[in-house]
PDB file of all heavy atoms in Angstrom:
ATOM      1  N   ARG A   1     113.564  70.242 113.567  1.00  0.00           N
ATOM      2  CA  ARG A   1     113.333  71.553 114.102  1.00  0.00           C
ATOM      3  C   ARG A   1     114.431  71.881 115.167  1.00  0.00           C
ATOM      4  O   ARG A   1     114.928  73.071 115.183  1.00  0.00           O
ATOM      5  CB  ARG A   1     111.971  71.673 114.801  1.00  0.00           C
ATOM      6  CG  ARG A   1     110.841  71.639 113.886  1.00  0.00           C
ATOM      7  CD  ARG A   1     109.482  71.913 114.545  1.00  0.00           C
ATOM      8  NE  ARG A   1     109.517  73.109 115.279  1.00  0.00           N
ATOM      9  CZ  ARG A   1     109.456  73.092 116.631  1.00  0.00           C
ATOM     10  NH1 ARG A   1     109.192  72.033 117.348  1.00  0.00           N
ATOM     11  NH2 ARG A   1     109.539  74.294 117.350  1.00  0.00           N
ATOM     12  N   TYR A   2     114.762  70.923 115.895  1.00  0.00           N
ATOM     13  CA  TYR A   2     115.775  71.155 116.911  1.00  0.00           C
ATOM     14  C   TYR A   2     117.103  71.492 116.294  1.00  0.00           C
ATOM     15  O   TYR A   2     117.831  72.413 116.708  1.00  0.00           O
ATOM     16  CB  TYR A   2     115.924  69.852 117.747  1.00  0.00           C
ATOM     17  CG  TYR A   2     117.159  69.914 118.766  1.00  0.00           C
ATOM     18  CD1 TYR A   2     117.130  70.719 119.871  1.00  0.00           C
ATOM     19  CD2 TYR A   2     118.307  69.215 118.481  1.00  0.00           C
ATOM     20  CE1 TYR A   2     118.245  70.861 120.637  1.00  0.00           C
ATOM     21  CE2 TYR A   2     119.433  69.236 119.277  1.00  0.00           C
ATOM     22  CZ  TYR A   2     119.371  70.059 120.377  1.00  0.00           C
ATOM     23  OH  TYR A   2     120.538  70.187 121.191  1.00  0.00           O
ATOM     24  N   LEU A   3     117.528  70.742 115.288  1.00  0.00           N
ATOM     25  CA  LEU A   3     118.804  71.039 114.597  1.00  0.00           C
ATOM     26  C   LEU A   3     118.834  72.406 113.891  1.00  0.00           C
ATOM     27  O   LEU A   3     119.855  73.157 114.042  1.00  0.00           O
ATOM     28  CB  LEU A   3     118.999  69.916 113.519  1.00  0.00           C
ATOM     29  CG  LEU A   3     119.482  68.554 114.057  1.00  0.00           C
ATOM     30  CD1 LEU A   3     119.448  67.579 113.040  1.00  0.00           C
ATOM     31  CD2 LEU A   3     120.712  68.540 114.800  1.00  0.00           C
ATOM     32  N   SER A   4     117.786  72.734 113.234  1.00  0.00           N
ATOM     33  CA  SER A   4     117.847  74.043 112.427  1.00  0.00           C
ATOM     34  C   SER A   4     117.467  75.195 113.319  1.00  0.00           C
ATOM     35  O   SER A   4     117.833  76.288 112.915  1.00  0.00           O
ATOM     36  CB  SER A   4     116.785  73.884 111.336  1.00  0.00           C
ATOM     37  OG  SER A   4     115.406  73.710 111.793  1.00  0.00           O
ATOM     38  N   GLY A   5     116.715  75.030 114.412  1.00  0.00           N
ATOM     39  CA  GLY A   5     116.293  76.086 115.155  1.00  0.00           C
ATOM     40  C   GLY A   5     115.190  76.931 114.385  1.00  0.00           C
ATOM     41  O   GLY A   5     114.766  77.993 114.656  1.00  0.00           O
ATOM     42  N   ALA A   6     114.580  76.199 113.300  1.00  0.00           N
ATOM     43  CA  ALA A   6     113.587  76.909 112.479  1.00  0.00           C
ATOM     44  C   ALA A   6     112.158  76.163 112.589  1.00  0.00           C
ATOM     45  O   ALA A   6     112.240  74.920 113.002  1.00  0.00           O
ATOM     46  CB  ALA A   6     114.071  76.913 111.095  1.00  0.00           C
ATOM     47  N   ASN A   7     111.248  76.740 112.211  1.00  0.00           N
ATOM     48  CA  ASN A   7     109.842  76.093 112.183  1.00  0.00           C
ATOM     49  C   ASN A   7     109.389  75.978 110.674  1.00  0.00           C
ATOM     50  O   ASN A   7     109.906  76.614 109.779  1.00  0.00           O
ATOM     51  CB  ASN A   7     108.835  77.040 112.873  1.00  0.00           C
ATOM     52  CG  ASN A   7     109.003  77.020 114.428  1.00  0.00           C
ATOM     53  OD1 ASN A   7     109.309  75.880 114.930  1.00  0.00           O
ATOM     54  ND2 ASN A   7     108.715  78.054 115.098  1.00  0.00           N
ATOM     55  N   PRO A   8     108.458  74.976 110.486  1.00  0.00           N
ATOM     56  CA  PRO A   8     108.053  74.696 109.214  1.00  0.00           C
ATOM     57  C   PRO A   8     107.195  75.821 108.641  1.00  0.00           C
ATOM     58  O   PRO A   8     106.262  76.463 109.302  1.00  0.00           O
ATOM     59  CB  PRO A   8     107.210  73.490 109.262  1.00  0.00           C
ATOM     60  CG  PRO A   8     106.691  73.495 110.694  1.00  0.00           C
ATOM     61  CD  PRO A   8     107.813  74.256 111.435  1.00  0.00           C
ATOM     62  N   VAL A   9     107.268  76.042 107.308  1.00  0.00           N
ATOM     63  CA  VAL A   9     106.406  76.983 106.594  1.00  0.00           C
ATOM     64  C   VAL A   9     105.490  76.330 105.616  1.00  0.00           C
ATOM     65  O   VAL A   9     104.256  76.678 105.584  1.00  0.00           O
ATOM     66  CB  VAL A   9     107.361  78.039 105.686  1.00  0.00           C
ATOM     67  CG1 VAL A   9     106.452  78.849 104.845  1.00  0.00           C
ATOM     68  CG2 VAL A   9     108.278  78.788 106.675  1.00  0.00           C
ATOM     69  N   SER A  10     105.942  75.253 104.972  1.00  0.00           N
ATOM     70  CA  SER A  10     105.055  74.555 104.066  1.00  0.00           C
ATOM     71  C   SER A  10     105.572  73.132 103.971  1.00  0.00           C
ATOM     72  O   SER A  10     106.742  72.783 104.317  1.00  0.00           O
ATOM     73  CB  SER A  10     104.909  75.163 102.695  1.00  0.00           C
ATOM     74  OG  SER A  10     106.161  75.100 102.014  1.00  0.00           O
ATOM     75  N   VAL A  11     104.754  72.215 103.355  1.00  0.00           N
ATOM     76  CA  VAL A  11     105.102  70.811 103.125  1.00  0.00           C
ATOM     77  C   VAL A  11     104.458  70.284 101.873  1.00  0.00           C
ATOM     78  O   VAL A  11     103.248  70.591 101.668  1.00  0.00           O
ATOM     79  CB  VAL A  11     104.864  69.909 104.288  1.00  0.00           C
ATOM     80  CG1 VAL A  11     103.410  69.833 104.707  1.00  0.00           C
ATOM     81  CG2 VAL A  11     105.430  68.461 104.151  1.00  0.00           C
ATOM     82  N   TYR A  12     105.153  69.421 101.238  1.00  0.00           N
ATOM     83  CA  TYR A  12     104.634  68.644 100.145  1.00  0.00           C
ATOM     84  C   TYR A  12     104.987  67.262 100.478  1.00  0.00           C
ATOM     85  O   TYR A  12     106.081  66.896 100.687  1.00  0.00           O
ATOM     86  CB  TYR A  12     105.121  68.954  98.742  1.00  0.00           C
ATOM     87  CG  TYR A  12     104.501  67.927  97.669  1.00  0.00           C
ATOM     88  CD1 TYR A  12     103.241  68.224  97.190  1.00  0.00           C
ATOM     89  CD2 TYR A  12     105.229  66.831  97.276  1.00  0.00           C
ATOM     90  CE1 TYR A  12     102.671  67.236  96.322  1.00  0.00           C
ATOM     91  CE2 TYR A  12     104.662  65.920  96.448  1.00  0.00           C
ATOM     92  CZ  TYR A  12     103.352  66.187  95.914  1.00  0.00           C
ATOM     93  OH  TYR A  12     102.800  65.259  95.024  1.00  0.00           O
ATOM     94  N   CYS A  13     103.898  66.356 100.699  1.00  0.00           N
ATOM     95  CA  CYS A  13     104.063  65.067 101.096  1.00  0.00           C
ATOM     96  C   CYS A  13     103.398  64.025 100.155  1.00  0.00           C
ATOM     97  O   CYS A  13     102.287  64.267  99.659  1.00  0.00           O
ATOM     98  CB  CYS A  13     103.576  64.821 102.562  1.00  0.00           C
ATOM     99  SG  CYS A  13     103.532  63.139 103.121  1.00  0.00           S
ATOM    100  N   HIS A  14     104.097  62.873  99.829  1.00  0.00           N
ATOM    101  CA  HIS A  14     103.488  61.809  99.125  1.00  0.00           C
ATOM    102  C   HIS A  14     103.736  60.566  99.993  1.00  0.00           C
ATOM    103  O   HIS A  14     104.869  60.273 100.329  1.00  0.00           O
ATOM    104  CB  HIS A  14     104.203  61.626  97.756  1.00  0.00           C
ATOM    105  CG  HIS A  14     103.634  60.357  97.113  1.00  0.00           C
ATOM    106  ND1 HIS A  14     102.435  60.379  96.411  1.00  0.00           N
ATOM    107  CD2 HIS A  14     104.147  59.127  96.836  1.00  0.00           C
ATOM    108  CE1 HIS A  14     102.269  59.182  95.869  1.00  0.00           C
ATOM    109  NE2 HIS A  14     103.276  58.425  96.145  1.00  0.00           N
ATOM    110  N   GLU A  15     102.650  59.975 100.441  1.00  0.00           N
ATOM    111  CA  GLU A  15     102.726  58.714 101.240  1.00  0.00           C
ATOM    112  C   GLU A  15     102.211  57.523 100.484  1.00  0.00           C
ATOM    113  O   GLU A  15     101.283  57.716  99.579  1.00  0.00           O
ATOM    114  CB  GLU A  15     102.087  58.757 102.694  1.00  0.00           C
ATOM    115  CG  GLU A  15     100.589  58.954 102.655  1.00  0.00           C
ATOM    116  CD  GLU A  15      99.920  58.841 103.959  1.00  0.00           C
ATOM    117  OE1 GLU A  15     100.750  58.402 104.913  1.00  0.00           O
ATOM    118  OE2 GLU A  15      98.846  59.035 104.186  1.00  0.00           O
ATOM    119  N   PHE A  16     102.755  56.451 100.633  1.00  0.00           N
ATOM    120  CA  PHE A  16     102.414  55.240  99.893  1.00  0.00           C
ATOM    121  C   PHE A  16     102.701  53.983 100.657  1.00  0.00           C
ATOM    122  O   PHE A  16     103.285  53.953 101.626  1.00  0.00           O
ATOM    123  CB  PHE A  16     103.095  55.151  98.539  1.00  0.00           C
ATOM    124  CG  PHE A  16     104.659  55.191  98.654  1.00  0.00           C
ATOM    125  CD1 PHE A  16     105.402  53.999  98.465  1.00  0.00           C
ATOM    126  CD2 PHE A  16     105.314  56.357  98.905  1.00  0.00           C
ATOM    127  CE1 PHE A  16     106.670  53.967  98.565  1.00  0.00           C
ATOM    128  CE2 PHE A  16     106.735  56.358  99.104  1.00  0.00           C
ATOM    129  CZ  PHE A  16     107.382  55.124  98.912  1.00  0.00           C
ATOM    130  N   ASN A  17     102.262  52.833 100.146  1.00  0.00           N
ATOM    131  CA  ASN A  17     102.419  51.537 100.735  1.00  0.00           C
ATOM    132  C   ASN A  17     103.261  50.676  99.715  1.00  0.00           C
ATOM    133  O   ASN A  17     102.640  50.177  98.834  1.00  0.00           O
ATOM    134  CB  ASN A  17     101.088  50.832 101.178  1.00  0.00           C
ATOM    135  CG  ASN A  17     101.339  50.000 102.364  1.00  0.00           C
ATOM    136  OD1 ASN A  17     102.207  50.187 103.176  1.00  0.00           O
ATOM    137  ND2 ASN A  17     100.459  48.929 102.529  1.00  0.00           N
ATOM    138  N   PRO A  18     104.484  50.436 100.082  1.00  0.00           N
ATOM    139  CA  PRO A  18     105.330  49.766  99.011  1.00  0.00           C
ATOM    140  C   PRO A  18     104.975  48.281  98.953  1.00  0.00           C
ATOM    141  O   PRO A  18     104.334  47.627  99.769  1.00  0.00           O
ATOM    142  CB  PRO A  18     106.799  49.879  99.643  1.00  0.00           C
ATOM    143  CG  PRO A  18     106.677  51.013 100.616  1.00  0.00           C
ATOM    144  CD  PRO A  18     105.342  50.936 101.160  1.00  0.00           C
ATOM    145  N   PRO A  19     105.401  47.615  97.825  1.00  0.00           N
ATOM    146  CA  PRO A  19     105.246  46.153  97.660  1.00  0.00           C
ATOM    147  C   PRO A  19     105.886  45.449  98.856  1.00  0.00           C
ATOM    148  O   PRO A  19     106.949  45.834  99.266  1.00  0.00           O
ATOM    149  CB  PRO A  19     105.965  45.893  96.355  1.00  0.00           C
ATOM    150  CG  PRO A  19     105.955  47.166  95.594  1.00  0.00           C
ATOM    151  CD  PRO A  19     106.069  48.267  96.589  1.00  0.00           C
ATOM    152  N   GLY A  20     105.197  44.427  99.264  1.00  0.00           N
ATOM    153  CA  GLY A  20     105.686  43.599 100.371  1.00  0.00           C
ATOM    154  C   GLY A  20     105.333  44.087 101.687  1.00  0.00           C
ATOM    155  O   GLY A  20     105.655  43.489 102.785  1.00  0.00           O
ATOM    156  N   SER A  21     104.696  45.266 101.815  1.00  0.00           N
ATOM    157  CA  SER A  21     104.301  45.893 103.146  1.00  0.00           C
ATOM    158  C   SER A  21     103.245  44.989 103.814  1.00  0.00           C
ATOM    159  O   SER A  21     102.400  44.360 103.149  1.00  0.00           O
ATOM    160  CB  SER A  21     103.711  47.221 102.927  1.00  0.00           C
ATOM    161  OG  SER A  21     103.142  47.734 104.148  1.00  0.00           O
ATOM    162  N   TRP A  22     103.465  44.857 105.195  1.00  0.00           N
ATOM    163  CA  TRP A  22     102.565  44.004 105.966  1.00  0.00           C
ATOM    164  C   TRP A  22     101.470  45.054 106.722  1.00  0.00           C
ATOM    165  O   TRP A  22     100.813  44.565 107.563  1.00  0.00           O
ATOM    166  CB  TRP A  22     103.301  43.182 106.896  1.00  0.00           C
ATOM    167  CG  TRP A  22     104.359  43.893 107.797  1.00  0.00           C
ATOM    168  CD1 TRP A  22     104.240  44.677 108.905  1.00  0.00           C
ATOM    169  CD2 TRP A  22     105.732  44.170 107.252  1.00  0.00           C
ATOM    170  NE1 TRP A  22     105.520  45.175 109.217  1.00  0.00           N
ATOM    171  CE2 TRP A  22     106.428  44.897 108.246  1.00  0.00           C
ATOM    172  CE3 TRP A  22     106.424  43.764 106.127  1.00  0.00           C
ATOM    173  CZ2 TRP A  22     107.747  45.279 108.148  1.00  0.00           C
ATOM    174  CZ3 TRP A  22     107.735  44.201 105.989  1.00  0.00           C
ATOM    175  CH2 TRP A  22     108.407  44.885 107.026  1.00  0.00           C
ATOM    176  N   TYR A  23     101.592  46.268 106.386  1.00  0.00           N
ATOM    177  CA  TYR A  23     100.721  47.205 106.936  1.00  0.00           C
ATOM    178  C   TYR A  23      99.522  47.405 106.018  1.00  0.00           C
ATOM    179  O   TYR A  23      99.620  47.433 104.901  1.00  0.00           O
ATOM    180  CB  TYR A  23     101.427  48.665 107.118  1.00  0.00           C
ATOM    181  CG  TYR A  23     102.500  48.603 108.124  1.00  0.00           C
ATOM    182  CD1 TYR A  23     103.841  48.279 107.730  1.00  0.00           C
ATOM    183  CD2 TYR A  23     102.232  48.930 109.463  1.00  0.00           C
ATOM    184  CE1 TYR A  23     104.877  48.311 108.675  1.00  0.00           C
ATOM    185  CE2 TYR A  23     103.301  48.976 110.347  1.00  0.00           C
ATOM    186  CZ  TYR A  23     104.569  48.627 109.903  1.00  0.00           C
ATOM    187  OH  TYR A  23     105.697  48.647 110.792  1.00  0.00           O
ATOM    188  N   GLU A  24      98.302  47.655 106.641  1.00  0.00           N
ATOM    189  CA  GLU A  24      97.168  47.892 105.791  1.00  0.00           C
ATOM    190  C   GLU A  24      97.192  49.390 105.233  1.00  0.00           C
ATOM    191  O   GLU A  24      96.748  49.552 104.110  1.00  0.00           O
ATOM    192  CB  GLU A  24      95.856  47.752 106.686  1.00  0.00           C
ATOM    193  CG  GLU A  24      95.586  46.363 107.107  1.00  0.00           C
ATOM    194  CD  GLU A  24      94.329  46.237 107.969  1.00  0.00           C
ATOM    195  OE1 GLU A  24      93.451  47.128 107.846  1.00  0.00           O
ATOM    196  OE2 GLU A  24      94.162  45.314 108.718  1.00  0.00           O
ATOM    197  N   GLY A  25      97.741  50.276 105.980  1.00  0.00           N
ATOM    198  CA  GLY A  25      97.752  51.684 105.520  1.00  0.00           C
ATOM    199  C   GLY A  25      99.159  51.960 104.977  1.00  0.00           C
ATOM    200  O   GLY A  25     100.015  51.098 104.714  1.00  0.00           O
ATOM    201  N   ASN A  26      99.385  53.301 104.669  1.00  0.00           N
ATOM    202  CA  ASN A  26     100.579  53.784 104.039  1.00  0.00           C
ATOM    203  C   ASN A  26     101.764  53.755 105.026  1.00  0.00           C
ATOM    204  O   ASN A  26     101.787  54.490 105.924  1.00  0.00           O
ATOM    205  CB  ASN A  26     100.416  55.160 103.360  1.00  0.00           C
ATOM    206  CG  ASN A  26      99.418  55.096 102.269  1.00  0.00           C
ATOM    207  OD1 ASN A  26      99.529  54.192 101.357  1.00  0.00           O
ATOM    208  ND2 ASN A  26      98.644  56.136 102.196  1.00  0.00           N
ATOM    209  N   ALA A  27     102.755  52.949 104.749  1.00  0.00           N
ATOM    210  CA  ALA A  27     103.946  52.782 105.659  1.00  0.00           C
ATOM    211  C   ALA A  27     105.178  53.506 105.202  1.00  0.00           C
ATOM    212  O   ALA A  27     106.228  53.419 105.840  1.00  0.00           O
ATOM    213  CB  ALA A  27     104.212  51.331 105.894  1.00  0.00           C
ATOM    214  N   ALA A  28     105.065  54.312 104.188  1.00  0.00           N
ATOM    215  CA  ALA A  28     106.186  55.039 103.555  1.00  0.00           C
ATOM    216  C   ALA A  28     105.785  56.448 103.224  1.00  0.00           C
ATOM    217  O   ALA A  28     104.676  56.668 102.823  1.00  0.00           O
ATOM    218  CB  ALA A  28     106.841  54.230 102.462  1.00  0.00           C
ATOM    219  N   ALA A  29     106.772  57.312 103.273  1.00  0.00           N
ATOM    220  CA  ALA A  29     106.400  58.766 102.930  1.00  0.00           C
ATOM    221  C   ALA A  29     107.747  59.586 102.457  1.00  0.00           C
ATOM    222  O   ALA A  29     108.811  59.260 102.975  1.00  0.00           O
ATOM    223  CB  ALA A  29     105.760  59.398 104.147  1.00  0.00           C
ATOM    224  N   LEU A  30     107.477  60.450 101.564  1.00  0.00           N
ATOM    225  CA  LEU A  30     108.479  61.415 101.199  1.00  0.00           C
ATOM    226  C   LEU A  30     107.899  62.828 101.398  1.00  0.00           C
ATOM    227  O   LEU A  30     106.825  63.162 100.986  1.00  0.00           O
ATOM    228  CB  LEU A  30     108.752  61.218  99.705  1.00  0.00           C
ATOM    229  CG  LEU A  30     109.176  59.848  99.178  1.00  0.00           C
ATOM    230  CD1 LEU A  30     109.283  59.865  97.686  1.00  0.00           C
ATOM    231  CD2 LEU A  30     110.432  59.430  99.809  1.00  0.00           C
ATOM    232  N   CYS A  31     108.637  63.605 102.154  1.00  0.00           N
ATOM    233  CA  CYS A  31     108.109  64.998 102.478  1.00  0.00           C
ATOM    234  C   CYS A  31     109.279  66.016 102.208  1.00  0.00           C
ATOM    235  O   CYS A  31     110.414  65.788 102.505  1.00  0.00           O
ATOM    236  CB  CYS A  31     107.899  65.086 103.960  1.00  0.00           C
ATOM    237  SG  CYS A  31     106.674  63.856 104.601  1.00  0.00           S
ATOM    238  N   ILE A  32     108.793  67.141 101.691  1.00  0.00           N
ATOM    239  CA  ILE A  32     109.683  68.290 101.487  1.00  0.00           C
ATOM    240  C   ILE A  32     109.116  69.464 102.224  1.00  0.00           C
ATOM    241  O   ILE A  32     108.005  69.866 101.988  1.00  0.00           O
ATOM    242  CB  ILE A  32     109.798  68.615  99.992  1.00  0.00           C
ATOM    243  CG1 ILE A  32     110.337  67.414  99.219  1.00  0.00           C
ATOM    244  CG2 ILE A  32     110.704  69.894  99.820  1.00  0.00           C
ATOM    245  CD1 ILE A  32     110.323  67.656  97.614  1.00  0.00           C
ATOM    246  N   PHE A  33     109.870  69.916 103.261  1.00  0.00           N
ATOM    247  CA  PHE A  33     109.403  71.046 104.043  1.00  0.00           C
ATOM    248  C   PHE A  33     110.293  72.259 103.752  1.00  0.00           C
ATOM    249  O   PHE A  33     111.430  72.212 103.622  1.00  0.00           O
ATOM    250  CB  PHE A  33     109.684  70.733 105.567  1.00  0.00           C
ATOM    251  CG  PHE A  33     108.709  69.785 106.062  1.00  0.00           C
ATOM    252  CD1 PHE A  33     109.125  68.367 106.154  1.00  0.00           C
ATOM    253  CD2 PHE A  33     107.410  70.059 106.692  1.00  0.00           C
ATOM    254  CE1 PHE A  33     108.234  67.437 106.715  1.00  0.00           C
ATOM    255  CE2 PHE A  33     106.641  69.112 107.181  1.00  0.00           C
ATOM    256  CZ  PHE A  33     107.043  67.806 107.175  1.00  0.00           C
ATOM    257  N   GLU A  34     109.569  73.421 103.530  1.00  0.00           N
ATOM    258  CA  GLU A  34     110.180  74.738 103.528  1.00  0.00           C
ATOM    259  C   GLU A  34     110.230  75.206 104.956  1.00  0.00           C
ATOM    260  O   GLU A  34     109.223  75.159 105.702  1.00  0.00           O
ATOM    261  CB  GLU A  34     109.522  75.725 102.676  1.00  0.00           C
ATOM    262  CG  GLU A  34     109.543  75.305 101.146  1.00  0.00           C
ATOM    263  CD  GLU A  34     108.583  76.232 100.328  1.00  0.00           C
ATOM    264  OE1 GLU A  34     107.412  76.348 100.720  1.00  0.00           O
ATOM    265  OE2 GLU A  34     109.106  76.809  99.377  1.00  0.00           O
ATOM    266  N   MET A  35     111.435  75.629 105.386  1.00  0.00           N
ATOM    267  CA  MET A  35     111.568  76.062 106.712  1.00  0.00           C
ATOM    268  C   MET A  35     111.711  77.647 106.909  1.00  0.00           C
ATOM    269  O   MET A  35     111.982  78.271 105.871  1.00  0.00           O
ATOM    270  CB  MET A  35     112.773  75.336 107.391  1.00  0.00           C
ATOM    271  CG  MET A  35     112.719  73.833 107.351  1.00  0.00           C
ATOM    272  SD  MET A  35     111.272  73.094 108.168  1.00  0.00           S
ATOM    273  CE  MET A  35     111.859  73.283 109.940  1.00  0.00           C
ATOM    274  N   SER A  36     111.403  78.102 108.074  1.00  0.00           N
ATOM    275  CA  SER A  36     111.406  79.577 108.319  1.00  0.00           C
ATOM    276  C   SER A  36     112.793  80.225 108.123  1.00  0.00           C
ATOM    277  O   SER A  36     112.811  81.415 107.992  1.00  0.00           O
ATOM    278  CB  SER A  36     110.824  79.895 109.669  1.00  0.00           C
ATOM    279  OG  SER A  36     111.686  79.251 110.733  1.00  0.00           O
ATOM    280  N   ASP A  37     113.897  79.480 108.156  1.00  0.00           N
ATOM    281  CA  ASP A  37     115.200  80.130 108.015  1.00  0.00           C
ATOM    282  C   ASP A  37     115.633  80.017 106.456  1.00  0.00           C
ATOM    283  O   ASP A  37     116.756  80.430 106.082  1.00  0.00           O
ATOM    284  CB  ASP A  37     116.272  79.400 108.808  1.00  0.00           C
ATOM    285  CG  ASP A  37     116.449  77.969 108.419  1.00  0.00           C
ATOM    286  OD1 ASP A  37     115.660  77.362 107.642  1.00  0.00           O
ATOM    287  OD2 ASP A  37     117.419  77.378 108.975  1.00  0.00           O
ATOM    288  N   GLY A  38     114.696  79.590 105.620  1.00  0.00           N
ATOM    289  CA  GLY A  38     115.030  79.573 104.159  1.00  0.00           C
ATOM    290  C   GLY A  38     115.556  78.176 103.727  1.00  0.00           C
ATOM    291  O   GLY A  38     115.701  77.974 102.521  1.00  0.00           O
ATOM    292  N   SER A  39     115.806  77.227 104.664  1.00  0.00           N
ATOM    293  CA  SER A  39     116.311  75.993 104.281  1.00  0.00           C
ATOM    294  C   SER A  39     115.249  75.039 103.890  1.00  0.00           C
ATOM    295  O   SER A  39     114.097  75.252 104.158  1.00  0.00           O
ATOM    296  CB  SER A  39     117.113  75.424 105.417  1.00  0.00           C
ATOM    297  OG  SER A  39     116.268  75.035 106.562  1.00  0.00           O
ATOM    298  N   LEU A  40     115.602  73.890 103.297  1.00  0.00           N
ATOM    299  CA  LEU A  40     114.662  72.763 103.067  1.00  0.00           C
ATOM    300  C   LEU A  40     114.977  71.630 103.928  1.00  0.00           C
ATOM    301  O   LEU A  40     116.204  71.286 104.070  1.00  0.00           O
ATOM    302  CB  LEU A  40     114.783  72.467 101.525  1.00  0.00           C
ATOM    303  CG  LEU A  40     114.282  73.367 100.511  1.00  0.00           C
ATOM    304  CD1 LEU A  40     114.435  72.865  99.130  1.00  0.00           C
ATOM    305  CD2 LEU A  40     112.853  73.798 100.778  1.00  0.00           C
ATOM    306  N   PHE A  41     114.014  70.935 104.465  1.00  0.00           N
ATOM    307  CA  PHE A  41     114.109  69.644 105.129  1.00  0.00           C
ATOM    308  C   PHE A  41     113.442  68.565 104.254  1.00  0.00           C
ATOM    309  O   PHE A  41     112.262  68.655 104.006  1.00  0.00           O
ATOM    310  CB  PHE A  41     113.516  69.725 106.462  1.00  0.00           C
ATOM    311  CG  PHE A  41     113.331  68.421 107.202  1.00  0.00           C
ATOM    312  CD1 PHE A  41     114.410  67.529 107.302  1.00  0.00           C
ATOM    313  CD2 PHE A  41     112.069  68.109 107.729  1.00  0.00           C
ATOM    314  CE1 PHE A  41     114.231  66.364 107.991  1.00  0.00           C
ATOM    315  CE2 PHE A  41     111.902  66.838 108.428  1.00  0.00           C
ATOM    316  CZ  PHE A  41     113.000  66.021 108.516  1.00  0.00           C
TER     317      PHE A  41
END
């Protein structure tokens, strides 16, 4: 947000726990944000 000067409009996120993880919960994530300036993060 600081770099773009834009705010989020929407997000699609998939989180998961990869093989070998020592966490009980999901320790990895992929996110695609649409931003208010038309860019994607």
